[in-house]
Amino acid sequence: MGKPVTISDIRTVAELLGRTVPAGSFLSRTSIWQGDITKLQVDGIVNAADEAVLGGGGVDGAIHRAAGPQLLEACRALNGCKTGQAKITPGFKLPAKYVIHAVGPVGEKPELLASAYRESLDVAKQNGVRTIAFPCISTGVFGYPADAACKVVLATVKQWLSEDDTGILERVIFCMFNQRSADTYAAEFAKY
């Protein structure tokens, strides 16, 4: 299985871009990390699920395999999840305490993609999650263009963080499966 990756192993976007920013700012509370989301020892990881939330391919299948069969049992009890919404389960055998199952849209539907991220953050806040990692929701087999999705995602997360007066979320990690996605996010973050 290997050693889990902790939050202290991951630089903030401010550090990545070589910027000095105030504590609590968007760039100091976010990170880009390329690797396997199932190896992250954070409070919660987000699963890019379909409406059935019963496992599948891509990141969804990887999370289910790493968490073990108890995750499937817990997901059955969720009775599905609508597009743009999110539900939570324990992480079971994962280093993450929780899995937040978010259902993104099929195709380019910005409102539903933004909703999936907002709902995930809301569920995280309601459950005391302080560190959360997101995969690129809807950009794989769901067909959302990665560049367009990135713009929606960063704007949505920035707005959510700015409106949250509790400050409970200390770090939002954008977990990238490949270098192209990491480069897309880094280029978009550079505009902030």
Protein backbone atom coordinates (compact mmCIF):
# COMPACT_ATOMS: atom_id res chain seq x y z
CA MET A 1 0.00 0.00 0.00
CA GLY A 2 2.83 2.42 0.74
CA LYS A 3 3.01 5.37 3.06
CA PRO A 4 0.04 7.77 2.89
CA VAL A 5 0.65 11.31 1.67
CA THR A 6 -0.15 13.89 4.36
CA ILE A 7 -1.17 17.52 4.04
CA SER A 8 2.32 18.57 5.15
CA ASP A 9 3.73 16.78 2.08
CA ILE A 10 1.75 19.02 -0.29
CA ARG A 11 2.63 22.62 -1.11
CA THR A 12 -0.01 25.32 -1.32
CA VAL A 13 -0.69 27.04 -4.63
CA ALA A 14 0.93 30.19 -3.20
CA GLU A 15 4.11 28.21 -2.55
CA LEU A 16 3.91 26.56 -5.97
CA LEU A 17 3.61 29.95 -7.69
CA GLY A 18 6.21 31.56 -5.43
CA ARG A 19 3.78 34.16 -4.10
CA THR A 20 3.52 35.75 -0.69
CA VAL A 21 -0.14 35.96 0.24
CA PRO A 22 -2.06 36.52 3.47
CA ALA A 23 -2.89 33.47 5.59
CA GLY A 24 -6.40 32.31 4.86
CA SER A 25 -6.37 33.57 1.28
CA PHE A 26 -7.51 31.44 -1.65
CA LEU A 27 -3.97 30.62 -2.81
CA SER A 28 -2.83 29.71 0.74
CA ARG A 29 -5.80 27.35 1.27
CA THR A 30 -5.55 25.43 -2.01
CA SER A 31 -3.11 22.95 -3.53
CA ILE A 32 -2.51 21.11 -6.78
CA TRP A 33 -1.18 17.60 -6.32
CA GLN A 34 -0.56 14.94 -8.94
CA GLY A 35 -0.99 11.39 -7.75
CA ASP A 36 -3.36 8.73 -6.48
CA ILE A 37 -6.21 10.27 -4.47
CA THR A 38 -6.62 7.02 -2.52
CA LYS A 39 -3.17 7.59 -0.94
CA LEU A 40 -4.07 10.97 0.61
CA GLN A 41 -4.33 11.10 4.39
CA VAL A 42 -6.83 13.95 4.59
CA ASP A 43 -10.18 14.30 6.30
CA GLY A 44 -12.14 13.73 3.12
CA ILE A 45 -11.66 12.75 -0.50
CA VAL A 46 -14.28 13.36 -3.14
CA ASN A 47 -15.38 10.54 -5.38
CA ALA A 48 -16.41 11.44 -8.93
CA ALA A 49 -19.43 9.15 -8.90
CA ASP A 50 -22.39 8.45 -11.12
CA GLU A 51 -25.96 8.67 -9.80
CA ALA A 52 -25.92 5.05 -8.57
CA VAL A 53 -22.77 5.69 -6.41
CA LEU A 54 -22.02 1.96 -6.50
CA GLY A 55 -18.54 2.07 -8.00
CA GLY A 56 -17.43 1.95 -11.57
CA GLY A 57 -14.39 2.88 -13.61
CA GLY A 58 -11.79 5.59 -13.23
CA VAL A 59 -11.39 7.32 -9.87
CA ASP A 60 -14.73 5.88 -8.68
CA GLY A 61 -13.51 2.30 -9.13
CA ALA A 62 -10.11 3.11 -7.61
CA ILE A 63 -11.71 4.57 -4.49
CA HIS A 64 -14.06 1.59 -4.10
CA ARG A 65 -11.20 -0.90 -4.50
CA ALA A 66 -8.98 0.91 -1.99
CA ALA A 67 -11.76 1.42 0.58
CA GLY A 68 -12.87 -2.21 0.52
CA PRO A 69 -16.29 -3.86 0.26
CA GLN A 70 -17.73 -1.92 3.21
CA LEU A 71 -17.81 1.19 1.01
CA LEU A 72 -20.16 -0.50 -1.44
CA GLU A 73 -22.44 -1.51 1.45
CA ALA A 74 -22.48 2.08 2.74
CA CYS A 75 -23.16 3.42 -0.76
CA ARG A 76 -26.13 1.09 -1.21
CA ALA A 77 -27.68 2.72 1.88
CA LEU A 78 -27.37 6.16 0.22
CA ASN A 79 -30.06 5.23 -2.34
CA GLY A 80 -28.19 7.02 -5.11
CA CYS A 81 -27.34 10.67 -5.54
CA LYS A 82 -28.66 13.18 -8.06
CA THR A 83 -26.45 15.05 -10.49
CA GLY A 84 -25.03 18.19 -8.87
CA GLN A 85 -25.40 16.78 -5.37
CA ALA A 86 -23.10 15.02 -2.89
CA LYS A 87 -23.39 12.47 -0.08
CA ILE A 88 -20.88 11.19 2.49
CA THR A 89 -19.72 7.81 3.77
CA PRO A 90 -16.83 6.69 5.97
CA GLY A 91 -13.52 6.05 4.21
CA PHE A 92 -13.15 2.54 5.63
CA LYS A 93 -9.71 1.20 4.54
CA LEU A 94 -8.65 4.52 2.96
CA PRO A 95 -6.25 6.87 4.78
CA ALA A 96 -9.03 9.49 4.42
CA LYS A 97 -11.67 9.56 7.14
CA TYR A 98 -14.55 10.22 4.71
CA VAL A 99 -15.51 9.79 1.07
CA ILE A 100 -17.80 12.47 -0.32
CA HIS A 101 -19.57 11.10 -3.39
CA ALA A 102 -20.29 13.92 -5.85
CA VAL A 103 -22.16 13.45 -9.10
CA GLY A 104 -21.05 15.74 -11.89
CA PRO A 105 -22.85 16.27 -15.17
CA VAL A 106 -22.42 14.37 -18.41
CA GLY A 107 -21.22 16.95 -20.91
CA GLU A 108 -20.57 20.65 -20.42
CA LYS A 109 -23.15 21.90 -17.90
CA PRO A 110 -21.45 24.57 -15.74
CA GLU A 111 -24.32 25.00 -13.26
CA LEU A 112 -24.39 21.31 -12.40
CA LEU A 113 -20.60 21.04 -12.18
CA ALA A 114 -20.46 24.06 -9.86
CA SER A 115 -23.26 22.53 -7.78
CA ALA A 116 -21.36 19.23 -7.36
CA TYR A 117 -18.36 21.13 -5.96
CA ARG A 118 -20.46 23.44 -3.73
CA GLU A 119 -22.48 20.51 -2.38
CA SER A 120 -19.26 18.60 -1.65
CA LEU A 121 -17.89 21.57 0.29
CA ASP A 122 -21.18 21.98 2.16
CA VAL A 123 -21.21 18.28 3.13
CA ALA A 124 -17.56 18.57 4.19
CA LYS A 125 -18.32 21.57 6.40
CA GLN A 126 -21.34 19.84 7.98
CA ASN A 127 -19.11 16.89 8.92
CA GLY A 128 -16.14 18.82 10.33
CA VAL A 129 -13.84 18.10 7.39
CA ARG A 130 -10.81 20.43 7.53
CA THR A 131 -8.84 19.02 4.58
CA ILE A 132 -10.45 17.80 1.37
CA ALA A 133 -9.18 16.49 -1.97
CA PHE A 134 -11.08 16.68 -5.25
CA PRO A 135 -10.44 14.71 -8.43
CA CYS A 136 -11.38 16.32 -11.75
CA ILE A 137 -15.13 15.67 -11.65
CA SER A 138 -16.85 15.00 -15.01
CA THR A 139 -13.75 15.46 -17.19
CA GLY A 140 -13.17 11.77 -17.90
CA VAL A 141 -15.82 9.55 -19.45
CA PHE A 142 -18.48 12.15 -18.55
CA GLY A 143 -17.00 14.31 -21.32
CA TYR A 144 -16.68 17.76 -19.73
CA PRO A 145 -13.76 19.60 -21.44
CA ALA A 146 -10.95 19.87 -18.87
CA ASP A 147 -10.03 23.51 -19.55
CA ALA A 148 -13.64 24.67 -19.28
CA ALA A 149 -14.23 22.59 -16.15
CA CYS A 150 -11.13 24.03 -14.45
CA LYS A 151 -12.44 27.60 -14.82
CA VAL A 152 -15.81 26.66 -13.31
CA VAL A 153 -14.21 24.67 -10.48
CA LEU A 154 -11.74 27.32 -9.35
CA ALA A 155 -14.32 30.12 -9.50
CA THR A 156 -16.80 27.99 -7.52
CA VAL A 157 -14.33 26.94 -4.83
CA LYS A 158 -12.94 30.49 -4.49
CA GLN A 159 -16.43 31.89 -4.02
CA TRP A 160 -17.39 29.17 -1.51
CA LEU A 161 -14.25 29.76 0.56
CA SER A 162 -14.79 33.53 0.55
CA GLU A 163 -18.39 33.16 1.74
CA ASP A 164 -17.63 30.62 4.47
CA ASP A 165 -17.28 32.57 7.70
CA THR A 166 -16.28 29.51 9.77
CA GLY A 167 -12.93 28.99 8.04
CA ILE A 168 -13.25 25.28 8.86
CA LEU A 169 -11.73 24.18 5.55
CA GLU A 170 -8.00 24.66 5.94
CA ARG A 171 -6.98 23.11 2.63
CA VAL A 172 -8.66 22.16 -0.63
CA ILE A 173 -6.47 19.90 -2.74
CA PHE A 174 -7.07 19.47 -6.45
CA CYS A 175 -5.75 15.98 -7.09
CA MET A 176 -4.64 15.44 -10.67
CA PHE A 177 -4.25 12.09 -12.33
CA ASN A 178 -1.90 13.38 -15.05
CA GLN A 179 0.52 16.20 -15.80
CA ARG A 180 -1.75 17.81 -18.39
CA SER A 181 -4.46 18.37 -15.78
CA ALA A 182 -1.92 19.69 -13.25
CA ASP A 183 -0.61 22.14 -15.88
CA THR A 184 -4.16 23.27 -16.72
CA TYR A 185 -4.88 24.05 -13.06
CA ALA A 186 -1.51 25.76 -12.52
CA ALA A 187 -2.10 28.01 -15.55
CA GLU A 188 -5.58 28.93 -14.34
CA PHE A 189 -4.39 29.57 -10.77
CA ALA A 190 -1.68 31.90 -12.13
CA LYS A 191 -4.50 34.26 -13.19
CA TYR A 192 -5.60 34.72 -9.55
